[in-house]
Amino acid sequence: METRLTREKLSFDEAFDAVRSGAFGGTALYIGTVRDMEDDRRVAAINYEAYDPRALSELAKGARKIEERFGARVVVFHRVGPVPVGEASVIIAAAAPHRDAAFDACAEIIEYLKRSVPICKTAFVPAE
């Protein structure tokens, strides 16, 4: 299990490498990207803010529960600060012995993140 908040660009390969193992036959990867429209407004980027210690603690708590429930390995990488349109704001990877568990673990951690982790969109940068 690994959770991370970063201002750097997220790496799909790093997320995949962090969960893959010869013990796991299924891997699911979720990538949330910034759209060019938000609430009927065109944007160039979205700014994400988090109180890092609390957000990381909540992410780790959720990831541990989901790993135990599905016998999976889970990683969650989330960007903070401005994230330009088309770039990933969150990457979640889940690997498990079988595909169903990997898909379910991936789906549950994104729902947990949205519901319980204090990361919020605070500003929209207008597109030029």
N, C-alpha and C. Protein backbone atom coordinates (compact mmCIF):
# COMPACT_ATOMS: atom_id res chain seq x y z
N MET A 1 0.84 -1.16 0.00
CA MET A 1 0.00 0.00 0.00
C MET A 1 0.89 1.23 0.00
N GLU A 2 0.55 2.13 -0.89
CA GLU A 2 1.27 3.39 -0.94
C GLU A 2 0.28 4.49 -1.27
N THR A 3 0.39 5.58 -0.54
CA THR A 3 -0.42 6.76 -0.83
C THR A 3 0.52 7.95 -0.93
N ARG A 4 0.16 8.88 -1.82
CA ARG A 4 1.05 10.02 -2.05
C ARG A 4 0.26 11.23 -2.52
N LEU A 5 0.61 12.38 -1.98
CA LEU A 5 0.16 13.67 -2.50
C LEU A 5 1.39 14.35 -3.06
N THR A 6 1.28 14.92 -4.25
CA THR A 6 2.45 15.51 -4.89
C THR A 6 2.06 16.66 -5.79
N ARG A 7 2.96 17.57 -6.01
CA ARG A 7 2.77 18.65 -6.97
C ARG A 7 3.35 18.26 -8.34
N GLU A 8 3.99 17.11 -8.39
CA GLU A 8 4.62 16.64 -9.61
C GLU A 8 3.63 15.88 -10.50
N LYS A 9 3.97 15.77 -11.77
CA LYS A 9 3.17 14.97 -12.70
C LYS A 9 3.13 13.53 -12.22
N LEU A 10 1.97 12.89 -12.36
CA LEU A 10 1.81 11.51 -11.90
C LEU A 10 2.29 10.53 -12.97
N SER A 11 2.80 9.40 -12.52
CA SER A 11 3.35 8.39 -13.41
C SER A 11 2.50 7.11 -13.39
N PHE A 12 1.94 6.77 -14.55
CA PHE A 12 1.17 5.53 -14.69
C PHE A 12 2.08 4.33 -14.44
N ASP A 13 3.27 4.38 -15.02
CA ASP A 13 4.21 3.26 -14.87
C ASP A 13 4.59 3.04 -13.41
N GLU A 14 4.81 4.12 -12.68
CA GLU A 14 5.19 4.00 -11.27
C GLU A 14 4.06 3.37 -10.45
N ALA A 15 2.82 3.76 -10.74
CA ALA A 15 1.67 3.17 -10.03
C ALA A 15 1.57 1.68 -10.34
N PHE A 16 1.69 1.31 -11.60
CA PHE A 16 1.62 -0.09 -11.99
C PHE A 16 2.75 -0.89 -11.34
N ASP A 17 3.97 -0.36 -11.42
CA ASP A 17 5.11 -1.06 -10.83
C ASP A 17 4.96 -1.25 -9.32
N ALA A 18 4.28 -0.31 -8.66
CA ALA A 18 4.12 -0.39 -7.20
C ALA A 18 3.17 -1.50 -6.77
N VAL A 19 2.28 -1.96 -7.67
CA VAL A 19 1.32 -3.00 -7.27
C VAL A 19 1.58 -4.36 -7.89
N ARG A 20 2.30 -4.41 -8.98
CA ARG A 20 2.42 -5.70 -9.66
C ARG A 20 3.29 -6.68 -8.88
N SER A 21 2.91 -7.94 -9.05
CA SER A 21 3.56 -9.02 -8.32
C SER A 21 3.20 -10.32 -9.01
N GLY A 22 4.07 -11.28 -8.91
CA GLY A 22 3.78 -12.60 -9.44
C GLY A 22 2.61 -13.28 -8.74
N ALA A 23 2.24 -12.79 -7.57
CA ALA A 23 1.12 -13.36 -6.82
C ALA A 23 -0.23 -12.85 -7.30
N PHE A 24 -0.22 -11.79 -8.13
CA PHE A 24 -1.47 -11.17 -8.57
C PHE A 24 -1.69 -11.38 -10.06
N GLY A 25 -2.89 -11.86 -10.40
CA GLY A 25 -3.22 -12.10 -11.80
C GLY A 25 -4.04 -10.99 -12.43
N GLY A 26 -4.55 -10.06 -11.61
CA GLY A 26 -5.36 -8.97 -12.15
C GLY A 26 -4.89 -7.64 -11.61
N THR A 27 -4.82 -6.65 -12.50
CA THR A 27 -4.47 -5.29 -12.10
C THR A 27 -5.44 -4.34 -12.76
N ALA A 28 -5.98 -3.42 -11.96
CA ALA A 28 -6.88 -2.38 -12.48
C ALA A 28 -6.23 -1.03 -12.22
N LEU A 29 -6.37 -0.14 -13.19
CA LEU A 29 -5.78 1.19 -13.08
C LEU A 29 -6.85 2.21 -13.39
N TYR A 30 -7.05 3.16 -12.47
CA TYR A 30 -7.98 4.26 -12.68
C TYR A 30 -7.18 5.54 -12.79
N ILE A 31 -7.49 6.32 -13.81
CA ILE A 31 -6.80 7.59 -14.02
C ILE A 31 -7.86 8.68 -14.16
N GLY A 32 -7.87 9.60 -13.22
CA GLY A 32 -8.78 10.75 -13.30
C GLY A 32 -8.03 11.92 -13.91
N THR A 33 -8.56 12.45 -15.00
CA THR A 33 -7.89 13.57 -15.68
C THR A 33 -8.75 14.83 -15.61
N VAL A 34 -8.11 15.97 -15.71
CA VAL A 34 -8.80 17.25 -15.67
C VAL A 34 -9.46 17.51 -17.01
N ARG A 35 -10.77 17.80 -16.95
CA ARG A 35 -11.54 18.15 -18.15
C ARG A 35 -11.39 19.63 -18.45
N ASP A 36 -11.75 20.01 -19.67
CA ASP A 36 -11.66 21.43 -20.05
C ASP A 36 -12.91 22.23 -19.69
N MET A 37 -13.92 21.57 -19.13
CA MET A 37 -15.14 22.26 -18.70
C MET A 37 -15.44 21.87 -17.25
N GLU A 38 -15.85 22.85 -16.46
CA GLU A 38 -16.25 22.61 -15.09
C GLU A 38 -17.41 23.55 -14.78
N ASP A 39 -18.55 22.98 -14.45
CA ASP A 39 -19.75 23.78 -14.18
C ASP A 39 -20.05 24.76 -15.31
N ASP A 40 -20.04 24.25 -16.53
CA ASP A 40 -20.33 25.05 -17.73
C ASP A 40 -19.34 26.19 -17.98
N ARG A 41 -18.17 26.11 -17.38
CA ARG A 41 -17.12 27.11 -17.63
C ARG A 41 -15.91 26.41 -18.22
N ARG A 42 -15.32 27.03 -19.22
CA ARG A 42 -14.09 26.50 -19.81
C ARG A 42 -12.94 26.84 -18.87
N VAL A 43 -12.10 25.84 -18.60
CA VAL A 43 -10.96 26.04 -17.71
C VAL A 43 -9.68 25.55 -18.36
N ALA A 44 -8.56 26.06 -17.88
CA ALA A 44 -7.25 25.62 -18.35
C ALA A 44 -6.62 24.66 -17.35
N ALA A 45 -7.06 24.75 -16.08
CA ALA A 45 -6.51 23.91 -15.01
C ALA A 45 -7.47 23.93 -13.84
N ILE A 46 -7.31 22.95 -12.96
CA ILE A 46 -8.04 22.93 -11.69
C ILE A 46 -7.00 22.88 -10.58
N ASN A 47 -7.26 23.63 -9.52
CA ASN A 47 -6.36 23.65 -8.38
C ASN A 47 -6.94 22.76 -7.28
N TYR A 48 -6.11 21.84 -6.78
CA TYR A 48 -6.51 20.94 -5.70
C TYR A 48 -5.75 21.33 -4.44
N GLU A 49 -6.45 21.36 -3.31
CA GLU A 49 -5.82 21.64 -2.03
C GLU A 49 -6.14 20.53 -1.05
N ALA A 50 -5.21 20.29 -0.14
CA ALA A 50 -5.40 19.28 0.89
C ALA A 50 -4.60 19.66 2.11
N TYR A 51 -5.11 19.28 3.27
CA TYR A 51 -4.31 19.33 4.48
C TYR A 51 -3.56 18.00 4.48
N ASP A 52 -2.31 18.04 4.03
CA ASP A 52 -1.57 16.82 3.71
C ASP A 52 -1.57 15.75 4.80
N PRO A 53 -1.25 16.06 6.08
CA PRO A 53 -1.21 14.98 7.07
C PRO A 53 -2.55 14.25 7.22
N ARG A 54 -3.64 15.00 7.27
CA ARG A 54 -4.95 14.37 7.43
C ARG A 54 -5.35 13.60 6.18
N ALA A 55 -5.13 14.21 5.01
CA ALA A 55 -5.48 13.54 3.75
C ALA A 55 -4.70 12.24 3.59
N LEU A 56 -3.42 12.27 3.86
CA LEU A 56 -2.61 11.05 3.74
C LEU A 56 -3.04 9.99 4.75
N SER A 57 -3.37 10.41 5.95
CA SER A 57 -3.84 9.48 6.97
C SER A 57 -5.14 8.81 6.53
N GLU A 58 -6.08 9.57 6.01
CA GLU A 58 -7.35 9.01 5.54
C GLU A 58 -7.15 8.10 4.34
N LEU A 59 -6.29 8.51 3.40
CA LEU A 59 -6.01 7.66 2.24
C LEU A 59 -5.43 6.32 2.68
N ALA A 60 -4.47 6.37 3.59
CA ALA A 60 -3.83 5.14 4.06
C ALA A 60 -4.85 4.25 4.78
N LYS A 61 -5.70 4.85 5.59
CA LYS A 61 -6.73 4.09 6.31
C LYS A 61 -7.64 3.35 5.33
N GLY A 62 -8.12 4.06 4.32
CA GLY A 62 -8.99 3.44 3.33
C GLY A 62 -8.28 2.38 2.51
N ALA A 63 -7.07 2.66 2.10
CA ALA A 63 -6.31 1.70 1.30
C ALA A 63 -6.05 0.41 2.08
N ARG A 64 -5.71 0.54 3.36
CA ARG A 64 -5.48 -0.66 4.20
C ARG A 64 -6.75 -1.52 4.30
N LYS A 65 -7.89 -0.87 4.54
CA LYS A 65 -9.15 -1.62 4.64
C LYS A 65 -9.46 -2.35 3.34
N ILE A 66 -9.26 -1.67 2.24
CA ILE A 66 -9.58 -2.27 0.94
C ILE A 66 -8.60 -3.39 0.59
N GLU A 67 -7.32 -3.19 0.92
CA GLU A 67 -6.35 -4.27 0.70
C GLU A 67 -6.76 -5.52 1.48
N GLU A 68 -7.13 -5.35 2.73
CA GLU A 68 -7.53 -6.49 3.55
C GLU A 68 -8.79 -7.15 3.01
N ARG A 69 -9.75 -6.35 2.62
CA ARG A 69 -11.03 -6.88 2.14
C ARG A 69 -10.88 -7.71 0.87
N PHE A 70 -10.02 -7.24 -0.06
CA PHE A 70 -9.91 -7.88 -1.37
C PHE A 70 -8.64 -8.69 -1.55
N GLY A 71 -7.77 -8.76 -0.54
CA GLY A 71 -6.50 -9.45 -0.69
C GLY A 71 -5.66 -8.81 -1.78
N ALA A 72 -5.73 -7.48 -1.84
CA ALA A 72 -5.12 -6.71 -2.92
C ALA A 72 -3.97 -5.85 -2.43
N ARG A 73 -3.26 -5.29 -3.38
CA ARG A 73 -2.28 -4.23 -3.11
C ARG A 73 -2.82 -3.00 -3.82
N VAL A 74 -2.84 -1.85 -3.12
CA VAL A 74 -3.43 -0.63 -3.64
C VAL A 74 -2.44 0.52 -3.52
N VAL A 75 -2.39 1.35 -4.57
CA VAL A 75 -1.66 2.62 -4.49
C VAL A 75 -2.58 3.74 -4.96
N VAL A 76 -2.42 4.90 -4.31
CA VAL A 76 -3.19 6.09 -4.67
C VAL A 76 -2.21 7.25 -4.74
N PHE A 77 -2.12 7.85 -5.92
CA PHE A 77 -1.31 9.05 -6.12
C PHE A 77 -2.27 10.18 -6.49
N HIS A 78 -2.22 11.28 -5.76
CA HIS A 78 -3.10 12.43 -6.05
C HIS A 78 -2.27 13.69 -6.14
N ARG A 79 -2.54 14.47 -7.17
CA ARG A 79 -1.85 15.75 -7.30
C ARG A 79 -2.54 16.81 -6.48
N VAL A 80 -1.75 17.76 -6.01
CA VAL A 80 -2.26 18.97 -5.38
C VAL A 80 -1.65 20.14 -6.11
N GLY A 81 -2.27 21.31 -5.95
CA GLY A 81 -1.84 22.48 -6.71
C GLY A 81 -2.55 22.50 -8.05
N PRO A 82 -2.10 23.35 -8.95
CA PRO A 82 -2.76 23.43 -10.26
C PRO A 82 -2.43 22.23 -11.13
N VAL A 83 -3.47 21.66 -11.75
CA VAL A 83 -3.31 20.53 -12.65
C VAL A 83 -3.94 20.93 -13.99
N PRO A 84 -3.13 21.02 -15.05
CA PRO A 84 -3.64 21.45 -16.36
C PRO A 84 -4.61 20.45 -16.98
N VAL A 85 -5.47 20.95 -17.84
CA VAL A 85 -6.41 20.12 -18.60
C VAL A 85 -5.64 19.00 -19.30
N GLY A 86 -6.21 17.80 -19.24
CA GLY A 86 -5.63 16.64 -19.90
C GLY A 86 -4.64 15.87 -19.06
N GLU A 87 -4.18 16.45 -17.96
CA GLU A 87 -3.23 15.74 -17.10
C GLU A 87 -3.97 15.02 -15.99
N ALA A 88 -3.34 13.99 -15.45
CA ALA A 88 -3.93 13.18 -14.39
C ALA A 88 -3.90 13.92 -13.06
N SER A 89 -5.05 13.94 -12.40
CA SER A 89 -5.11 14.49 -11.04
C SER A 89 -5.03 13.37 -10.01
N VAL A 90 -5.43 12.16 -10.40
CA VAL A 90 -5.36 11.02 -9.50
C VAL A 90 -5.11 9.75 -10.31
N ILE A 91 -4.26 8.90 -9.75
CA ILE A 91 -4.03 7.57 -10.31
C ILE A 91 -4.18 6.57 -9.18
N ILE A 92 -5.01 5.57 -9.43
CA ILE A 92 -5.20 4.49 -8.47
C ILE A 92 -4.88 3.18 -9.19
N ALA A 93 -4.07 2.36 -8.55
CA ALA A 93 -3.78 1.03 -9.09
C ALA A 93 -4.12 0.02 -8.01
N ALA A 94 -4.75 -1.07 -8.43
CA ALA A 94 -5.07 -2.15 -7.50
C ALA A 94 -4.75 -3.47 -8.18
N ALA A 95 -4.01 -4.31 -7.50
CA ALA A 95 -3.69 -5.64 -8.02
C ALA A 95 -4.15 -6.67 -7.00
N ALA A 96 -4.69 -7.75 -7.53
CA ALA A 96 -5.23 -8.81 -6.67
C ALA A 96 -5.05 -10.15 -7.37
N PRO A 97 -5.28 -11.25 -6.65
CA PRO A 97 -5.13 -12.55 -7.29
C PRO A 97 -5.99 -12.73 -8.54
N HIS A 98 -7.18 -12.11 -8.56
CA HIS A 98 -8.09 -12.26 -9.69
C HIS A 98 -8.63 -10.90 -10.12
N ARG A 99 -9.07 -10.79 -11.37
CA ARG A 99 -9.48 -9.50 -11.94
C ARG A 99 -10.66 -8.86 -11.21
N ASP A 100 -11.65 -9.65 -10.82
CA ASP A 100 -12.81 -9.07 -10.16
C ASP A 100 -12.41 -8.32 -8.89
N ALA A 101 -11.55 -8.91 -8.09
CA ALA A 101 -11.09 -8.26 -6.86
C ALA A 101 -10.30 -7.00 -7.17
N ALA A 102 -9.49 -7.02 -8.22
CA ALA A 102 -8.72 -5.83 -8.61
C ALA A 102 -9.65 -4.70 -9.04
N PHE A 103 -10.64 -5.01 -9.89
CA PHE A 103 -11.61 -4.00 -10.32
C PHE A 103 -12.38 -3.44 -9.12
N ASP A 104 -12.85 -4.32 -8.27
CA ASP A 104 -13.65 -3.89 -7.12
C ASP A 104 -12.82 -3.04 -6.15
N ALA A 105 -11.59 -3.43 -5.90
CA ALA A 105 -10.72 -2.66 -5.01
C ALA A 105 -10.47 -1.27 -5.59
N CYS A 106 -10.22 -1.19 -6.87
CA CYS A 106 -9.97 0.09 -7.53
C CYS A 106 -11.21 0.98 -7.44
N ALA A 107 -12.37 0.42 -7.71
CA ALA A 107 -13.62 1.19 -7.65
C ALA A 107 -13.91 1.66 -6.23
N GLU A 108 -13.67 0.82 -5.26
CA GLU A 108 -13.96 1.21 -3.87
C GLU A 108 -13.02 2.28 -3.35
N ILE A 109 -11.76 2.25 -3.74
CA ILE A 109 -10.84 3.27 -3.22
C ILE A 109 -11.14 4.64 -3.82
N ILE A 110 -11.56 4.72 -5.07
CA ILE A 110 -11.89 6.04 -5.62
C ILE A 110 -13.14 6.59 -4.94
N GLU A 111 -14.12 5.73 -4.65
CA GLU A 111 -15.32 6.19 -3.94
C GLU A 111 -14.96 6.63 -2.52
N TYR A 112 -14.09 5.88 -1.87
CA TYR A 112 -13.65 6.24 -0.52
C TYR A 112 -12.94 7.60 -0.56
N LEU A 113 -12.07 7.79 -1.52
CA LEU A 113 -11.33 9.04 -1.66
C LEU A 113 -12.31 10.22 -1.80
N LYS A 114 -13.27 10.09 -2.69
CA LYS A 114 -14.24 11.17 -2.93
C LYS A 114 -15.08 11.46 -1.68
N ARG A 115 -15.43 10.42 -0.94
CA ARG A 115 -16.32 10.56 0.21
C ARG A 115 -15.60 11.00 1.48
N SER A 116 -14.36 10.53 1.70
CA SER A 116 -13.75 10.65 3.03
C SER A 116 -12.44 11.41 3.12
N VAL A 117 -11.80 11.68 2.01
CA VAL A 117 -10.47 12.29 2.05
C VAL A 117 -10.57 13.79 1.78
N PRO A 118 -10.00 14.61 2.67
CA PRO A 118 -10.12 16.06 2.53
C PRO A 118 -9.19 16.65 1.45
N ILE A 119 -9.56 16.39 0.21
CA ILE A 119 -8.90 17.00 -0.95
C ILE A 119 -10.01 17.71 -1.70
N CYS A 120 -9.81 18.98 -1.98
CA CYS A 120 -10.90 19.71 -2.63
C CYS A 120 -10.38 20.57 -3.78
N LYS A 121 -11.29 20.82 -4.70
CA LYS A 121 -11.03 21.76 -5.79
C LYS A 121 -11.28 23.14 -5.22
N THR A 122 -10.30 24.01 -5.31
CA THR A 122 -10.47 25.32 -4.68
C THR A 122 -10.54 26.46 -5.68
N ALA A 123 -10.04 26.25 -6.88
CA ALA A 123 -10.06 27.34 -7.84
C ALA A 123 -10.03 26.74 -9.25
N PHE A 124 -10.65 27.43 -10.16
CA PHE A 124 -10.64 27.05 -11.55
C PHE A 124 -9.90 28.14 -12.29
N VAL A 125 -8.94 27.77 -13.08
CA VAL A 125 -8.18 28.75 -13.85
C VAL A 125 -8.87 28.94 -15.18
N PRO A 126 -9.39 30.14 -15.47
CA PRO A 126 -10.10 30.34 -16.74
C PRO A 126 -9.20 30.08 -17.94
N ALA A 127 -9.77 29.43 -18.93
CA ALA A 127 -9.05 29.21 -20.19
C ALA A 127 -8.95 30.53 -20.95
N GLU A 128 -7.89 30.67 -21.66
CA GLU A 128 -7.71 31.91 -22.44
C GLU A 128 -8.20 31.76 -23.84
